[in-house]
N, C-alpha and C. Protein backbone atom coordinates (compact mmCIF):
# COMPACT_ATOMS: atom_id res chain seq x y z
N UNK A 1 -5.88 22.40 0.23
CA UNK A 1 -5.33 23.63 0.72
C UNK A 1 -5.83 23.99 2.12
N UNK A 2 -7.10 23.72 2.39
CA UNK A 2 -7.65 24.06 3.70
C UNK A 2 -6.94 23.27 4.80
N UNK A 3 -6.50 22.07 4.47
CA UNK A 3 -5.78 21.25 5.44
C UNK A 3 -4.50 21.90 5.94
N UNK A 4 -3.90 22.73 5.10
CA UNK A 4 -2.69 23.45 5.53
C UNK A 4 -2.99 24.39 6.69
N UNK A 5 -4.17 24.94 6.71
CA UNK A 5 -4.56 25.83 7.81
C UNK A 5 -4.56 25.06 9.12
N UNK A 6 -5.15 23.87 9.11
CA UNK A 6 -5.21 23.04 10.33
C UNK A 6 -3.80 22.67 10.79
N UNK A 7 -2.94 22.27 9.87
CA UNK A 7 -1.57 21.91 10.24
C UNK A 7 -0.82 23.11 10.82
N UNK A 8 -1.04 24.26 10.21
CA UNK A 8 -0.40 25.48 10.69
C UNK A 8 -0.85 25.79 12.12
N UNK A 9 -2.15 25.68 12.38
CA UNK A 9 -2.68 25.94 13.72
C UNK A 9 -2.11 24.96 14.74
N UNK A 10 -1.98 23.70 14.36
CA UNK A 10 -1.41 22.71 15.27
C UNK A 10 0.04 23.07 15.60
N UNK A 11 0.78 23.48 14.58
CA UNK A 11 2.19 23.83 14.78
C UNK A 11 2.38 25.11 15.59
N UNK A 12 1.42 26.01 15.54
CA UNK A 12 1.54 27.28 16.27
C UNK A 12 1.62 27.09 17.78
N UNK A 13 0.85 26.19 18.28
CA UNK A 13 0.77 26.04 19.73
C UNK A 13 -0.23 27.02 20.32
N UNK A 14 -0.65 26.77 21.56
CA UNK A 14 -1.73 27.55 22.16
C UNK A 14 -1.41 29.02 22.37
N UNK A 15 -0.19 29.34 22.73
CA UNK A 15 0.14 30.74 23.06
C UNK A 15 0.24 31.62 21.82
N UNK A 16 0.44 31.02 20.67
CA UNK A 16 0.61 31.80 19.44
C UNK A 16 -0.71 32.07 18.72
N UNK A 17 -1.79 31.43 19.16
CA UNK A 17 -3.08 31.65 18.51
C UNK A 17 -3.71 32.91 19.11
N UNK A 18 -3.58 33.97 18.37
CA UNK A 18 -4.00 35.30 18.84
C UNK A 18 -5.46 35.58 18.50
N UNK A 19 -6.03 36.60 19.11
CA UNK A 19 -7.39 37.02 18.74
C UNK A 19 -7.50 37.36 17.24
N UNK A 20 -6.44 37.90 16.67
CA UNK A 20 -6.45 38.20 15.24
C UNK A 20 -6.56 36.92 14.40
N UNK A 21 -5.85 35.89 14.79
CA UNK A 21 -5.94 34.61 14.07
C UNK A 21 -7.34 34.04 14.21
N UNK A 22 -7.90 34.10 15.40
CA UNK A 22 -9.27 33.59 15.61
C UNK A 22 -10.25 34.37 14.75
N UNK A 23 -10.12 35.67 14.69
CA UNK A 23 -11.01 36.49 13.85
C UNK A 23 -10.89 36.11 12.38
N UNK A 24 -9.68 35.89 11.92
CA UNK A 24 -9.47 35.49 10.52
C UNK A 24 -10.10 34.12 10.25
N UNK A 25 -9.99 33.20 11.19
CA UNK A 25 -10.63 31.89 11.05
C UNK A 25 -12.15 32.02 11.00
N UNK A 26 -12.68 32.87 11.87
CA UNK A 26 -14.13 33.10 11.87
C UNK A 26 -14.58 33.72 10.55
N UNK A 27 -13.84 34.68 10.06
CA UNK A 27 -14.18 35.30 8.77
C UNK A 27 -14.14 34.27 7.65
N UNK A 28 -13.13 33.41 7.66
CA UNK A 28 -13.01 32.36 6.65
C UNK A 28 -14.20 31.40 6.74
N UNK A 29 -14.56 31.02 7.96
CA UNK A 29 -15.70 30.12 8.16
C UNK A 29 -16.99 30.76 7.64
N UNK A 30 -17.21 32.01 7.97
CA UNK A 30 -18.42 32.71 7.49
C UNK A 30 -18.45 32.80 5.97
N UNK A 31 -17.30 33.06 5.38
CA UNK A 31 -17.21 33.12 3.92
C UNK A 31 -17.57 31.76 3.32
N UNK A 32 -17.00 30.69 3.87
CA UNK A 32 -17.31 29.34 3.38
C UNK A 32 -18.80 29.05 3.48
N UNK A 33 -19.39 29.42 4.61
CA UNK A 33 -20.81 29.15 4.83
C UNK A 33 -21.71 29.99 3.92
N UNK A 34 -21.19 31.07 3.37
CA UNK A 34 -21.99 31.92 2.50
C UNK A 34 -22.04 31.41 1.06
N UNK A 35 -21.20 30.46 0.74
CA UNK A 35 -21.13 29.95 -0.63
C UNK A 35 -22.24 28.93 -0.89
N UNK A 36 -22.65 28.80 -2.14
CA UNK A 36 -23.70 27.81 -2.45
C UNK A 36 -23.17 26.39 -2.26
N UNK A 37 -24.09 25.47 -2.01
CA UNK A 37 -23.72 24.07 -1.88
C UNK A 37 -23.19 23.54 -3.20
N UNK A 38 -22.25 22.62 -3.13
CA UNK A 38 -21.72 22.00 -4.33
C UNK A 38 -22.59 20.84 -4.78
N UNK A 39 -22.25 20.29 -5.91
CA UNK A 39 -22.98 19.14 -6.46
C UNK A 39 -22.52 17.83 -5.83
N UNK A 40 -21.24 17.78 -5.42
CA UNK A 40 -20.67 16.58 -4.81
C UNK A 40 -19.82 17.01 -3.62
N UNK A 41 -19.36 16.04 -2.84
CA UNK A 41 -18.48 16.35 -1.71
C UNK A 41 -17.19 17.02 -2.18
N UNK A 42 -16.77 16.71 -3.40
CA UNK A 42 -15.52 17.27 -3.91
C UNK A 42 -15.61 18.77 -4.19
N UNK A 43 -16.80 19.28 -4.47
CA UNK A 43 -16.91 20.71 -4.76
C UNK A 43 -17.83 21.45 -3.78
N UNK A 44 -18.16 20.79 -2.68
CA UNK A 44 -19.00 21.41 -1.66
C UNK A 44 -18.11 21.99 -0.57
N UNK A 45 -18.08 23.30 -0.47
CA UNK A 45 -17.16 23.96 0.45
C UNK A 45 -17.46 23.62 1.91
N UNK A 46 -18.72 23.40 2.28
CA UNK A 46 -19.03 23.01 3.66
C UNK A 46 -18.42 21.66 4.00
N UNK A 47 -18.47 20.73 3.07
CA UNK A 47 -17.85 19.42 3.28
C UNK A 47 -16.35 19.56 3.40
N UNK A 48 -15.77 20.35 2.52
CA UNK A 48 -14.32 20.57 2.56
C UNK A 48 -13.91 21.23 3.88
N UNK A 49 -14.68 22.20 4.33
CA UNK A 49 -14.41 22.87 5.60
C UNK A 49 -14.45 21.87 6.76
N UNK A 50 -15.45 21.02 6.77
CA UNK A 50 -15.60 20.03 7.84
C UNK A 50 -14.44 19.03 7.83
N UNK A 51 -14.16 18.47 6.66
CA UNK A 51 -13.17 17.40 6.56
C UNK A 51 -11.74 17.93 6.68
N UNK A 52 -11.44 18.99 5.98
CA UNK A 52 -10.06 19.46 5.92
C UNK A 52 -9.66 20.36 7.09
N UNK A 53 -10.62 21.03 7.71
CA UNK A 53 -10.28 21.92 8.82
C UNK A 53 -10.84 21.42 10.14
N UNK A 54 -12.15 21.40 10.27
CA UNK A 54 -12.75 21.08 11.57
C UNK A 54 -12.31 19.73 12.12
N UNK A 55 -12.36 18.68 11.29
CA UNK A 55 -11.99 17.35 11.79
C UNK A 55 -10.56 17.33 12.29
N UNK A 56 -9.69 18.08 11.65
CA UNK A 56 -8.28 18.13 12.06
C UNK A 56 -8.08 18.86 13.38
N UNK A 57 -8.99 19.75 13.73
CA UNK A 57 -8.86 20.52 14.96
C UNK A 57 -9.14 19.69 16.22
N UNK A 58 -9.66 18.50 16.05
CA UNK A 58 -9.97 17.64 17.20
C UNK A 58 -8.73 16.97 17.78
N UNK A 59 -7.59 17.05 17.11
CA UNK A 59 -6.40 16.30 17.50
C UNK A 59 -5.69 16.82 18.74
N UNK A 60 -5.75 18.11 19.00
CA UNK A 60 -4.97 18.71 20.08
C UNK A 60 -5.84 19.65 20.91
N UNK A 61 -5.53 19.76 22.18
CA UNK A 61 -6.34 20.61 23.06
C UNK A 61 -6.40 22.05 22.59
N UNK A 62 -5.26 22.60 22.17
CA UNK A 62 -5.28 24.02 21.78
C UNK A 62 -6.06 24.25 20.49
N UNK A 63 -6.19 23.23 19.64
CA UNK A 63 -7.02 23.41 18.45
C UNK A 63 -8.47 23.03 18.74
N UNK A 64 -8.69 22.11 19.66
CA UNK A 64 -10.07 21.82 20.08
C UNK A 64 -10.73 23.08 20.64
N UNK A 65 -9.95 23.87 21.35
CA UNK A 65 -10.48 25.09 21.95
C UNK A 65 -10.97 26.09 20.91
N UNK A 66 -10.56 25.93 19.66
CA UNK A 66 -11.02 26.81 18.58
C UNK A 66 -12.42 26.45 18.09
N UNK A 67 -12.82 25.21 18.25
CA UNK A 67 -14.08 24.75 17.68
C UNK A 67 -15.29 25.57 18.11
N UNK A 68 -15.45 25.93 19.39
CA UNK A 68 -16.61 26.75 19.76
C UNK A 68 -16.58 28.16 19.15
N UNK A 69 -15.42 28.58 18.71
CA UNK A 69 -15.31 29.89 18.07
C UNK A 69 -15.68 29.82 16.59
N UNK A 70 -15.76 28.59 16.07
CA UNK A 70 -16.02 28.41 14.64
C UNK A 70 -17.38 27.79 14.34
N UNK A 71 -17.95 27.11 15.32
CA UNK A 71 -19.27 26.50 15.11
C UNK A 71 -20.11 26.64 16.37
N UNK A 72 -21.40 26.67 16.19
CA UNK A 72 -22.32 26.75 17.33
C UNK A 72 -22.45 25.39 17.99
N UNK A 73 -22.72 25.40 19.28
CA UNK A 73 -22.87 24.15 20.01
C UNK A 73 -23.97 23.29 19.40
N UNK A 74 -25.06 23.93 18.96
CA UNK A 74 -26.17 23.17 18.36
C UNK A 74 -25.69 22.39 17.14
N UNK A 75 -24.89 23.02 16.30
CA UNK A 75 -24.34 22.36 15.11
C UNK A 75 -23.42 21.22 15.53
N UNK A 76 -22.62 21.47 16.55
CA UNK A 76 -21.69 20.46 17.05
C UNK A 76 -22.45 19.23 17.54
N UNK A 77 -23.49 19.45 18.31
CA UNK A 77 -24.28 18.35 18.88
C UNK A 77 -25.08 17.63 17.79
N UNK A 78 -25.65 18.38 16.85
CA UNK A 78 -26.40 17.76 15.75
C UNK A 78 -25.53 16.86 14.89
N UNK A 79 -24.25 17.17 14.80
CA UNK A 79 -23.31 16.38 14.00
C UNK A 79 -22.55 15.36 14.84
N UNK A 80 -23.02 15.07 16.04
CA UNK A 80 -22.29 14.20 16.96
C UNK A 80 -22.00 12.83 16.36
N UNK A 81 -22.98 12.18 15.77
CA UNK A 81 -22.75 10.84 15.22
C UNK A 81 -21.69 10.86 14.13
N UNK A 82 -21.82 11.82 13.22
CA UNK A 82 -20.84 11.95 12.14
C UNK A 82 -19.44 12.19 12.72
N UNK A 83 -19.34 13.16 13.63
CA UNK A 83 -18.04 13.52 14.19
C UNK A 83 -17.42 12.38 14.98
N UNK A 84 -18.21 11.70 15.79
CA UNK A 84 -17.68 10.57 16.55
C UNK A 84 -17.15 9.49 15.62
N UNK A 85 -17.83 9.30 14.50
CA UNK A 85 -17.39 8.30 13.53
C UNK A 85 -16.04 8.66 12.92
N UNK A 86 -15.80 9.94 12.66
CA UNK A 86 -14.59 10.36 11.95
C UNK A 86 -13.46 10.81 12.86
N UNK A 87 -13.76 11.37 14.02
CA UNK A 87 -12.68 11.84 14.90
C UNK A 87 -12.54 10.98 16.15
N UNK A 88 -13.49 10.10 16.37
CA UNK A 88 -13.48 9.24 17.54
C UNK A 88 -14.26 9.84 18.69
N UNK A 89 -14.86 8.97 19.47
CA UNK A 89 -15.70 9.43 20.58
C UNK A 89 -14.89 10.18 21.63
N UNK A 90 -13.67 9.71 21.90
CA UNK A 90 -12.83 10.39 22.89
C UNK A 90 -12.50 11.82 22.46
N UNK A 91 -12.12 11.99 21.20
CA UNK A 91 -11.82 13.34 20.69
C UNK A 91 -13.06 14.21 20.68
N UNK A 92 -14.20 13.63 20.32
CA UNK A 92 -15.45 14.39 20.33
C UNK A 92 -15.76 14.88 21.75
N UNK A 93 -15.70 13.97 22.71
CA UNK A 93 -16.01 14.34 24.10
C UNK A 93 -15.01 15.35 24.66
N UNK A 94 -13.75 15.23 24.27
CA UNK A 94 -12.74 16.19 24.72
C UNK A 94 -13.05 17.58 24.15
N UNK A 95 -13.49 17.63 22.91
CA UNK A 95 -13.83 18.92 22.29
C UNK A 95 -15.11 19.49 22.88
N UNK A 96 -16.07 18.64 23.20
CA UNK A 96 -17.35 19.08 23.74
C UNK A 96 -17.16 19.88 25.03
N UNK A 97 -16.13 19.58 25.78
CA UNK A 97 -15.86 20.29 27.04
C UNK A 97 -15.56 21.77 26.83
N UNK A 98 -15.18 22.14 25.62
CA UNK A 98 -14.86 23.55 25.34
C UNK A 98 -16.09 24.38 25.00
N UNK A 99 -17.24 23.73 24.83
CA UNK A 99 -18.45 24.46 24.45
C UNK A 99 -19.18 24.99 25.66
């Protein structure tokens, strides 16, 4: 289900992503981060958030621009190896420019 959010954001385009949408994404991210860790990747909301939402945001410039609004630069840099492995080094570096 979280993947639908990423697809919706991609389809919106840059001009349609309003401050209200960004606020709702931030609220959703904070809510996810407030939940307890799961026992496996299948029930761990942080893993689901990373895989189904964040990784998908690396595909387009207008969604890459959302990443600094959803995660801290320190978290982004600490996860560099993981992210480069899953989204590619070029996509990682393109997203890093927004931080």
